[in-house]
C-alpha atoms as a PDB file:
ATOM      1  CA  MET A   1     -74.744  74.124  55.280  1.00  0.00           C
ATOM      2  CA  PHE A   2     -73.861  72.398  52.008  1.00  0.00           C
ATOM      3  CA  ALA A   3     -72.563  75.658  50.520  1.00  0.00           C
ATOM      4  CA  THR A   4     -70.403  76.263  53.592  1.00  0.00           C
ATOM      5  CA  THR A   5     -68.924  72.763  53.319  1.00  0.00           C
ATOM      6  CA  VAL A   6     -68.116  73.302  49.649  1.00  0.00           C
ATOM      7  CA  LEU A   7     -66.388  76.602  50.425  1.00  0.00           C
ATOM      8  CA  LEU A   8     -64.345  75.033  53.208  1.00  0.00           C
ATOM      9  CA  PHE A   9     -63.319  72.171  50.952  1.00  0.00           C
ATOM     10  CA  ALA A  10     -62.339  74.577  48.174  1.00  0.00           C
ATOM     11  CA  GLY A  11     -60.302  76.626  50.648  1.00  0.00           C
ATOM     12  CA  CYS A  12     -58.401  73.551  51.880  1.00  0.00           C
ATOM     13  CA  LYS A  13     -57.770  72.449  48.311  1.00  0.00           C
ATOM     14  CA  LYS A  14     -56.340  75.853  47.432  1.00  0.00           C
ATOM     15  CA  GLU A  15     -54.108  75.862  50.492  1.00  0.00           C
ATOM     16  CA  ASN A  16     -52.561  72.537  49.455  1.00  0.00           C
ATOM     17  CA  LYS A  17     -50.931  74.194  46.462  1.00  0.00           C
ATOM     18  CA  PHE A  18     -48.226  76.765  45.901  1.00  0.00           C
ATOM     19  CA  THR A  19     -47.371  78.965  42.941  1.00  0.00           C
ATOM     20  CA  ILE A  20     -44.035  80.153  41.569  1.00  0.00           C
ATOM     21  CA  GLU A  21     -44.170  82.978  39.055  1.00  0.00           C
ATOM     22  CA  GLY A  22     -41.997  85.814  37.902  1.00  0.00           C
ATOM     23  CA  THR A  23     -39.991  87.484  35.159  1.00  0.00           C
ATOM     24  CA  ILE A  24     -36.510  86.420  34.043  1.00  0.00           C
ATOM     25  CA  ASP A  25     -34.483  89.002  32.113  1.00  0.00           C
ATOM     26  CA  ASN A  26     -32.896  87.789  28.848  1.00  0.00           C
ATOM     27  CA  GLY A  27     -35.154  84.745  29.034  1.00  0.00           C
ATOM     28  CA  ALA A  28     -37.747  85.464  26.346  1.00  0.00           C
ATOM     29  CA  GLY A  29     -38.928  82.174  24.835  1.00  0.00           C
ATOM     30  CA  LYS A  30     -36.316  80.129  26.673  1.00  0.00           C
ATOM     31  CA  MET A  31     -36.857  77.005  28.770  1.00  0.00           C
ATOM     32  CA  MET A  32     -36.359  76.497  32.476  1.00  0.00           C
ATOM     33  CA  TYR A  33     -37.118  73.395  34.487  1.00  0.00           C
ATOM     34  CA  ILE A  34     -38.111  72.662  38.037  1.00  0.00           C
ATOM     35  CA  GLU A  35     -37.256  69.693  40.209  1.00  0.00           C
ATOM     36  CA  GLU A  36     -38.089  68.674  43.731  1.00  0.00           C
ATOM     37  CA  LEU A  37     -35.101  68.065  45.969  1.00  0.00           C
ATOM     38  CA  THR A  38     -36.380  65.000  47.805  1.00  0.00           C
ATOM     39  CA  PRO A  39     -34.580  63.266  50.689  1.00  0.00           C
ATOM     40  CA  ASP A  40     -33.439  60.714  48.087  1.00  0.00           C
ATOM     41  CA  GLY A  41     -32.174  63.300  45.637  1.00  0.00           C
ATOM     42  CA  PRO A  42     -33.465  65.546  42.816  1.00  0.00           C
ATOM     43  CA  HIS A  43     -36.694  64.538  41.056  1.00  0.00           C
ATOM     44  CA  PHE A  44     -37.638  66.223  37.763  1.00  0.00           C
ATOM     45  CA  LEU A  45     -41.107  67.784  37.799  1.00  0.00           C
ATOM     46  CA  ASP A  46     -41.670  69.905  34.717  1.00  0.00           C
ATOM     47  CA  SER A  47     -40.261  72.145  32.006  1.00  0.00           C
ATOM     48  CA  ILE A  48     -41.301  75.782  31.976  1.00  0.00           C
ATOM     49  CA  GLN A  49     -41.252  77.950  28.855  1.00  0.00           C
ATOM     50  CA  LEU A  50     -40.846  81.667  29.396  1.00  0.00           C
ATOM     51  CA  ASP A  51     -43.084  83.876  27.294  1.00  0.00           C
ATOM     52  CA  LYS A  52     -41.834  86.663  25.035  1.00  0.00           C
ATOM     53  CA  LYS A  53     -41.496  88.955  28.046  1.00  0.00           C
ATOM     54  CA  GLY A  54     -39.627  86.394  30.124  1.00  0.00           C
ATOM     55  CA  LYS A  55     -42.622  85.701  32.343  1.00  0.00           C
ATOM     56  CA  PHE A  56     -43.543  82.286  33.723  1.00  0.00           C
ATOM     57  CA  SER A  57     -45.874  80.585  36.189  1.00  0.00           C
ATOM     58  CA  TYR A  58     -45.827  77.159  37.830  1.00  0.00           C
ATOM     59  CA  SER A  59     -48.344  75.657  40.240  1.00  0.00           C
ATOM     60  CA  GLY A  60     -47.404  72.697  42.409  1.00  0.00           C
ATOM     61  CA  LYS A  61     -49.194  70.358  44.780  1.00  0.00           C
ATOM     62  CA  TYR A  62     -48.205  70.758  48.417  1.00  0.00           C
ATOM     63  CA  GLU A  63     -47.878  67.526  50.408  1.00  0.00           C
ATOM     64  CA  TYR A  64     -45.216  68.577  52.886  1.00  0.00           C
ATOM     65  CA  GLN A  65     -42.612  71.308  53.039  1.00  0.00           C
ATOM     66  CA  THR A  66     -39.739  70.495  50.735  1.00  0.00           C
ATOM     67  CA  PHE A  67     -37.158  72.108  48.480  1.00  0.00           C
ATOM     68  CA  TYR A  68     -37.517  72.992  44.809  1.00  0.00           C
ATOM     69  CA  ASN A  69     -34.666  73.775  42.433  1.00  0.00           C
ATOM     70  CA  LEU A  70     -35.538  76.224  39.671  1.00  0.00           C
ATOM     71  CA  HIS A  71     -33.011  75.796  36.841  1.00  0.00           C
ATOM     72  CA  THR A  72     -32.009  77.872  33.843  1.00  0.00           C
ATOM     73  CA  SER A  73     -29.273  75.284  33.172  1.00  0.00           C
ATOM     74  CA  ALA A  74     -27.830  72.196  34.834  1.00  0.00           C
ATOM     75  CA  VAL A  75     -25.399  74.316  36.855  1.00  0.00           C
ATOM     76  CA  ASP A  76     -27.431  77.520  37.301  1.00  0.00           C
ATOM     77  CA  TYR A  77     -30.330  77.207  39.699  1.00  0.00           C
ATOM     78  CA  VAL A  78     -31.884  78.581  42.868  1.00  0.00           C
ATOM     79  CA  VAL A  79     -33.371  76.719  45.820  1.00  0.00           C
ATOM     80  CA  LEU A  80     -36.901  77.574  46.937  1.00  0.00           C
ATOM     81  CA  LEU A  81     -38.713  76.476  50.073  1.00  0.00           C
ATOM     82  CA  PRO A  82     -42.426  77.274  49.667  1.00  0.00           C
ATOM     83  CA  TYR A  83     -45.163  76.688  52.217  1.00  0.00           C
ATOM     84  CA  LYS A  84     -48.705  75.742  51.295  1.00  0.00           C
ATOM     85  CA  GLY A  85     -50.784  78.551  49.858  1.00  0.00           C
ATOM     86  CA  GLU A  86     -47.784  80.772  49.109  1.00  0.00           C
ATOM     87  CA  LYS A  87     -47.343  82.616  45.822  1.00  0.00           C
ATOM     88  CA  LEU A  88     -43.642  83.078  45.170  1.00  0.00           C
ATOM     89  CA  LYS A  89     -42.433  85.852  42.881  1.00  0.00           C
ATOM     90  CA  VAL A  90     -38.987  85.251  41.394  1.00  0.00           C
ATOM     91  CA  SER A  91     -36.905  87.666  39.339  1.00  0.00           C
ATOM     92  CA  GLY A  92     -33.397  87.396  37.943  1.00  0.00           C
ATOM     93  CA  VAL A  93     -31.263  87.065  34.833  1.00  0.00           C
ATOM     94  CA  PHE A  94     -31.248  83.966  32.661  1.00  0.00           C
ATOM     95  CA  ASP A  95     -28.051  81.829  32.918  1.00  0.00           C
ATOM     96  CA  SER A  96     -26.916  83.779  35.995  1.00  0.00           C
ATOM     97  CA  LEU A  97     -29.994  83.165  38.096  1.00  0.00           C
ATOM     98  CA  SER A  98     -28.121  82.082  41.226  1.00  0.00           C
ATOM     99  CA  LEU A  99     -26.134  85.338  41.185  1.00  0.00           C
ATOM    100  CA  SER A 100     -28.978  87.695  40.333  1.00  0.00           C
ATOM    101  CA  TYR A 101     -32.260  86.338  41.647  1.00  0.00           C
ATOM    102  CA  LYS A 102     -34.610  87.734  44.261  1.00  0.00           C
ATOM    103  CA  VAL A 103     -37.724  86.127  45.705  1.00  0.00           C
ATOM    104  CA  ASP A 104     -40.777  87.473  47.513  1.00  0.00           C
ATOM    105  CA  GLY A 105     -43.968  85.922  48.852  1.00  0.00           C
ATOM    106  CA  SER A 106     -42.329  83.117  50.813  1.00  0.00           C
ATOM    107  CA  LYS A 107     -40.610  83.726  54.139  1.00  0.00           C
ATOM    108  CA  GLU A 108     -38.327  80.698  54.053  1.00  0.00           C
ATOM    109  CA  SER A 109     -37.513  81.054  50.355  1.00  0.00           C
ATOM    110  CA  ALA A 110     -36.479  84.642  51.127  1.00  0.00           C
ATOM    111  CA  THR A 111     -34.329  83.292  53.965  1.00  0.00           C
ATOM    112  CA  LEU A 112     -32.573  80.992  51.499  1.00  0.00           C
ATOM    113  CA  TRP A 113     -32.111  83.948  49.140  1.00  0.00           C
ATOM    114  CA  GLN A 114     -30.322  85.862  51.915  1.00  0.00           C
ATOM    115  CA  LEU A 115     -28.110  82.820  52.469  1.00  0.00           C
ATOM    116  CA  GLN A 116     -27.289  82.613  48.758  1.00  0.00           C
ATOM    117  CA  ASP A 117     -26.672  86.348  48.538  1.00  0.00           C
ATOM    118  CA  TYR A 118     -24.012  86.166  51.253  1.00  0.00           C
ATOM    119  CA  SER A 119     -22.535  83.072  49.655  1.00  0.00           C
ATOM    120  CA  ASN A 120     -22.243  85.005  46.375  1.00  0.00           C
ATOM    121  CA  TYR A 121     -20.418  87.775  48.241  1.00  0.00           C
ATOM    122  CA  GLY A 122     -17.976  85.187  49.595  1.00  0.00           C
ATOM    123  CA  ALA A 123     -17.469  83.684  46.142  1.00  0.00           C
ATOM    124  CA  TYR A 124     -16.609  87.079  44.634  1.00  0.00           C
ATOM    125  CA  LYS A 125     -14.176  87.792  47.450  1.00  0.00           C
ATOM    126  CA  LEU A 126     -12.560  84.367  47.100  1.00  0.00           C
ATOM    127  CA  ARG A 127     -12.239  84.782  43.343  1.00  0.00           C
ATOM    128  CA  ASP A 128     -10.286  88.024  43.817  1.00  0.00           C
ATOM    129  CA  ILE A 129      -7.950  86.361  46.343  1.00  0.00           C
ATOM    130  CA  VAL A 130      -7.243  83.367  44.122  1.00  0.00           C
ATOM    131  CA  THR A 131      -6.692  85.685  41.139  1.00  0.00           C
ATOM    132  CA  ALA A 132      -4.172  87.689  43.165  1.00  0.00           C
ATOM    133  CA  ASP A 133      -2.312  84.524  44.171  1.00  0.00           C
ATOM    134  CA  ARG A 134      -2.142  83.309  40.577  1.00  0.00           C
ATOM    135  CA  ALA A 135      -0.805  86.699  39.513  1.00  0.00           C
ATOM    136  CA  ASN A 136       1.899  86.401  42.174  1.00  0.00           C
ATOM    137  CA  ARG A 137       2.848  82.948  40.933  1.00  0.00           C
ATOM    138  CA  GLU A 138       3.193  84.249  37.387  1.00  0.00           C
ATOM    139  CA  ARG A 139       5.142  87.259  38.586  1.00  0.00           C
ATOM    140  CA  PHE A 140       7.646  85.145  40.530  1.00  0.00           C
ATOM    141  CA  GLY A 141       7.755  82.244  38.037  1.00  0.00           C
ATOM    142  CA  ILE A 142       6.044  79.723  40.286  1.00  0.00           C
ATOM    143  CA  GLN A 143       4.439  76.606  38.815  1.00  0.00           C
ATOM    144  CA  THR A 144       1.984  74.194  40.421  1.00  0.00           C
ATOM    145  CA  VAL A 145       2.298  70.479  39.640  1.00  0.00           C
ATOM    146  CA  GLU A 146       0.577  67.391  40.950  1.00  0.00           C
ATOM    147  CA  GLU A 147       2.753  64.866  42.738  1.00  0.00           C
ATOM    148  CA  ASN A 148       1.321  61.727  44.355  1.00  0.00           C
ATOM    149  CA  GLY A 149      -2.144  63.246  44.304  1.00  0.00           C
ATOM    150  CA  MET A 150      -0.963  66.435  46.034  1.00  0.00           C
ATOM    151  CA  MET A 151      -0.412  69.910  44.590  1.00  0.00           C
ATOM    152  CA  LYS A 152       3.187  71.068  44.892  1.00  0.00           C
ATOM    153  CA  LEU A 153       4.856  74.401  44.084  1.00  0.00           C
ATOM    154  CA  VAL A 154       7.906  74.358  41.806  1.00  0.00           C
ATOM    155  CA  GLY A 155      10.332  77.291  41.853  1.00  0.00           C
ATOM    156  CA  ASP A 156       9.195  78.556  45.246  1.00  0.00           C
ATOM    157  CA  THR A 157      10.997  81.739  46.281  1.00  0.00           C
ATOM    158  CA  ALA A 158      11.248  83.880  49.396  1.00  0.00           C
ATOM    159  CA  SER A 159       9.568  86.751  47.545  1.00  0.00           C
ATOM    160  CA  TYR A 160       6.592  84.580  46.607  1.00  0.00           C
ATOM    161  CA  ARG A 161       6.295  83.163  50.125  1.00  0.00           C
ATOM    162  CA  GLU A 162       6.150  86.712  51.481  1.00  0.00           C
ATOM    163  CA  ALA A 163       3.410  87.670  48.999  1.00  0.00           C
ATOM    164  CA  LYS A 164       1.573  84.462  49.787  1.00  0.00           C
ATOM    165  CA  LYS A 165       1.364  85.374  53.468  1.00  0.00           C
ATOM    166  CA  LEU A 166      -0.995  88.173  52.504  1.00  0.00           C
ATOM    167  CA  THR A 167      -3.206  86.098  50.176  1.00  0.00           C
ATOM    168  CA  ASP A 168      -3.356  83.271  52.725  1.00  0.00           C
ATOM    169  CA  SER A 169      -4.353  85.776  55.395  1.00  0.00           C
ATOM    170  CA  LEU A 170      -7.096  87.190  53.163  1.00  0.00           C
ATOM    171  CA  TYR A 171      -8.233  83.663  52.327  1.00  0.00           C
ATOM    172  CA  ARG A 172      -8.545  82.759  55.989  1.00  0.00           C
ATOM    173  CA  GLU A 173     -10.381  86.014  56.667  1.00  0.00           C
ATOM    174  CA  ALA A 174     -12.872  85.225  53.895  1.00  0.00           C
ATOM    175  CA  TYR A 175     -13.390  81.720  55.273  1.00  0.00           C
ATOM    176  CA  ASP A 176     -13.861  83.008  58.824  1.00  0.00           C
ATOM    177  CA  GLU A 177     -16.485  85.473  57.587  1.00  0.00           C
ATOM    178  CA  GLN A 178     -18.423  82.654  55.954  1.00  0.00           C
ATOM    179  CA  VAL A 179     -18.162  80.468  59.064  1.00  0.00           C
ATOM    180  CA  ALA A 180     -19.412  83.320  61.244  1.00  0.00           C
ATOM    181  CA  TYR A 181     -22.343  83.954  58.918  1.00  0.00           C
ATOM    182  CA  ILE A 182     -23.315  80.292  58.566  1.00  0.00           C
ATOM    183  CA  THR A 183     -23.120  79.517  62.270  1.00  0.00           C
ATOM    184  CA  GLN A 184     -25.198  82.604  63.089  1.00  0.00           C
ATOM    185  CA  PHE A 185     -27.657  81.603  60.362  1.00  0.00           C
ATOM    186  CA  LEU A 186     -28.032  78.153  61.927  1.00  0.00           C
ATOM    187  CA  GLU A 187     -28.766  79.723  65.282  1.00  0.00           C
ATOM    188  CA  ASP A 188     -31.147  82.389  63.987  1.00  0.00           C
ATOM    189  CA  ASN A 189     -33.134  79.919  61.880  1.00  0.00           C
ATOM    190  CA  SER A 190     -33.171  76.952  64.246  1.00  0.00           C
ATOM    191  CA  GLY A 191     -36.069  74.636  63.410  1.00  0.00           C
ATOM    192  CA  SER A 192     -36.214  75.672  59.744  1.00  0.00           C
ATOM    193  CA  LEU A 193     -35.431  73.292  56.900  1.00  0.00           C
ATOM    194  CA  ALA A 194     -33.332  76.143  55.508  1.00  0.00           C
ATOM    195  CA  THR A 195     -30.633  75.139  58.006  1.00  0.00           C
ATOM    196  CA  LEU A 196     -30.079  71.935  56.007  1.00  0.00           C
ATOM    197  CA  ILE A 197     -29.062  73.982  52.976  1.00  0.00           C
ATOM    198  CA  ALA A 198     -26.821  76.203  55.099  1.00  0.00           C
ATOM    199  CA  LEU A 199     -25.117  73.190  56.650  1.00  0.00           C
ATOM    200  CA  TYR A 200     -23.862  72.034  53.246  1.00  0.00           C
ATOM    201  CA  LYS A 201     -22.972  75.418  51.759  1.00  0.00           C
ATOM    202  CA  PRO A 202     -19.612  75.058  49.972  1.00  0.00           C
ATOM    203  CA  PHE A 203     -16.513  77.213  50.186  1.00  0.00           C
ATOM    204  CA  ASN A 204     -13.967  77.165  47.358  1.00  0.00           C
ATOM    205  CA  GLY A 205     -15.258  74.184  45.439  1.00  0.00           C
ATOM    206  CA  SER A 206     -16.858  71.065  46.824  1.00  0.00           C
ATOM    207  CA  HIS A 207     -15.786  71.397  50.462  1.00  0.00           C
ATOM    208  CA  PRO A 208     -18.613  72.658  52.690  1.00  0.00           C
ATOM    209  CA  ILE A 209     -17.960  75.484  55.121  1.00  0.00           C
ATOM    210  CA  ILE A 210     -18.992  73.142  57.934  1.00  0.00           C
ATOM    211  CA  ASP A 211     -16.416  70.581  56.802  1.00  0.00           C
ATOM    212  CA  VAL A 212     -16.543  67.660  59.231  1.00  0.00           C
ATOM    213  CA  ASP A 213     -14.299  65.545  57.001  1.00  0.00           C
ATOM    214  CA  ARG A 214     -11.413  67.909  57.695  1.00  0.00           C
ATOM    215  CA  TYR A 215     -12.538  69.268  61.053  1.00  0.00           C
ATOM    216  CA  PRO A 216     -14.587  66.700  62.999  1.00  0.00           C
ATOM    217  CA  GLU A 217     -15.157  69.130  65.871  1.00  0.00           C
ATOM    218  CA  LEU A 218     -17.633  70.971  63.635  1.00  0.00           C
ATOM    219  CA  PHE A 219     -20.021  68.031  63.993  1.00  0.00           C
ATOM    220  CA  THR A 220     -21.673  69.914  66.855  1.00  0.00           C
ATOM    221  CA  TYR A 221     -23.448  72.000  64.191  1.00  0.00           C
ATOM    222  CA  TYR A 222     -25.030  68.852  62.788  1.00  0.00           C
ATOM    223  CA  GLU A 223     -26.366  68.106  66.251  1.00  0.00           C
ATOM    224  CA  GLN A 224     -27.601  71.679  66.608  1.00  0.00           C
ATOM    225  CA  VAL A 225     -29.502  71.527  63.307  1.00  0.00           C
ATOM    226  CA  LEU A 226     -31.166  68.202  64.123  1.00  0.00           C
ATOM    227  CA  GLN A 227     -32.155  69.365  67.598  1.00  0.00           C
ATOM    228  CA  GLY A 228     -33.819  72.451  66.162  1.00  0.00           C
ATOM    229  CA  LEU A 229     -35.737  70.463  63.550  1.00  0.00           C
ATOM    230  CA  GLU A 230     -36.921  67.856  66.066  1.00  0.00           C
ATOM    231  CA  GLU A 231     -38.037  70.484  68.568  1.00  0.00           C
ATOM    232  CA  ASN A 232     -40.130  72.263  65.939  1.00  0.00           C
ATOM    233  CA  GLU A 233     -43.515  70.557  65.689  1.00  0.00           C
ATOM    234  CA  ALA A 234     -43.837  71.646  62.055  1.00  0.00           C
ATOM    235  CA  THR A 235     -40.611  69.916  60.972  1.00  0.00           C
ATOM    236  CA  ALA A 236     -40.143  67.101  63.494  1.00  0.00           C
ATOM    237  CA  ASP A 237     -41.740  64.459  61.245  1.00  0.00           C
ATOM    238  CA  ASN A 238     -40.800  66.025  57.922  1.00  0.00           C
ATOM    239  CA  PRO A 239     -39.168  63.487  55.559  1.00  0.00           C
ATOM    240  CA  HIS A 240     -36.110  65.740  55.264  1.00  0.00           C
ATOM    241  CA  THR A 241     -35.679  65.752  59.041  1.00  0.00           C
ATOM    242  CA  LEU A 242     -36.001  61.966  59.246  1.00  0.00           C
ATOM    243  CA  ALA A 243     -33.536  61.490  56.391  1.00  0.00           C
ATOM    244  CA  PHE A 244     -31.071  63.940  57.947  1.00  0.00           C
ATOM    245  CA  LYS A 245     -31.215  62.042  61.220  1.00  0.00           C
ATOM    246  CA  ASN A 246     -30.054  58.894  59.411  1.00  0.00           C
ATOM    247  CA  VAL A 247     -27.333  60.822  57.580  1.00  0.00           C
ATOM    248  CA  MET A 248     -26.163  62.364  60.821  1.00  0.00           C
ATOM    249  CA  GLU A 249     -25.674  58.987  62.456  1.00  0.00           C
ATOM    250  CA  ARG A 250     -23.421  57.911  59.584  1.00  0.00           C
ATOM    251  CA  VAL A 251     -21.476  61.154  59.869  1.00  0.00           C
ATOM    252  CA  ARG A 252     -21.222  60.681  63.640  1.00  0.00           C
ATOM    253  CA  TYR A 253     -19.627  57.268  63.114  1.00  0.00           C
ATOM    254  CA  GLN A 254     -17.066  58.759  60.720  1.00  0.00           C
ATOM    255  CA  VAL A 255     -16.343  61.686  63.027  1.00  0.00           C
ATOM    256  CA  GLU A 256     -15.771  59.477  66.063  1.00  0.00           C
ATOM    257  CA  ARG A 257     -13.021  57.684  64.175  1.00  0.00           C
ATOM    258  CA  LYS A 258     -11.088  60.912  63.712  1.00  0.00           C
ATOM    259  CA  LYS A 259      -9.379  63.279  66.109  1.00  0.00           C
ATOM    260  CA  PRO A 260     -10.110  67.012  66.036  1.00  0.00           C
ATOM    261  CA  GLN A 261      -7.635  68.868  63.860  1.00  0.00           C
ATOM    262  CA  ALA A 262      -6.297  72.385  64.045  1.00  0.00           C
ATOM    263  CA  VAL A 263      -7.809  74.592  61.355  1.00  0.00           C
ATOM    264  CA  ASN A 264      -5.063  75.594  58.926  1.00  0.00           C
ATOM    265  CA  PHE A 265      -6.281  76.715  55.514  1.00  0.00           C
ATOM    266  CA  SER A 266      -3.955  77.442  52.638  1.00  0.00           C
ATOM    267  CA  LEU A 267      -4.551  78.481  49.051  1.00  0.00           C
ATOM    268  CA  ASN A 268      -2.352  75.619  47.840  1.00  0.00           C
ATOM    269  CA  GLY A 269      -4.310  72.981  49.696  1.00  0.00           C
ATOM    270  CA  ALA A 270      -7.641  74.434  48.690  1.00  0.00           C
ATOM    271  CA  GLU A 271      -7.259  74.710  44.956  1.00  0.00           C
END
């Protein structure tokens, strides 16, 4: 009986941990660090030194499901969402981890990887569109200047405006693709904390794809995410869910003060 109790206790203790390990190319001997993304913001946990083969291992205590940022630099990181007892295996390239990583051993971390992978696709596509527009500006002698806090074109020509119709159309197409993916992601993963990351995914800089500041009608997706989290017994009382509920009420107040706007994206307004 005593031996059985000890084994059960040991099993529970093991389950209340998670492990992140893997190999990072071009990372031999370099340092990474890990932080917990708490409802109040990032919290530094530990530094991790890669061995001479780029391998690493980190073991963390599991109290509740939460997010972890694995950094190779301040601006290059990936978001992981482990569950107790999981052993995550991460691979990628140092200093371009967010563009190259893959993760196994954790269902919801893999879900976030799929989200990031599609976001990377959108970023590449957007980069090509913006590059094409800049080339057109140079070709037609167009300059962009700031006037009263707004970007304004100087030397605008009919030829440039015609070329810009195409880049604006491609820009809108790229945005629509991201909206379609994110909204489907929110539906497919209802009740998962991963939807919180999806809700704030950016497009072309700091503006999120679900941009309620510009388009208040998109607030319905906030409501959809909260409903899913509250209906899932596993996440209903999670600190991230409770914090999001408070955030959502503040956003609701801001949204109710605005009128829905027609969506009208332009490269000039987005840069």
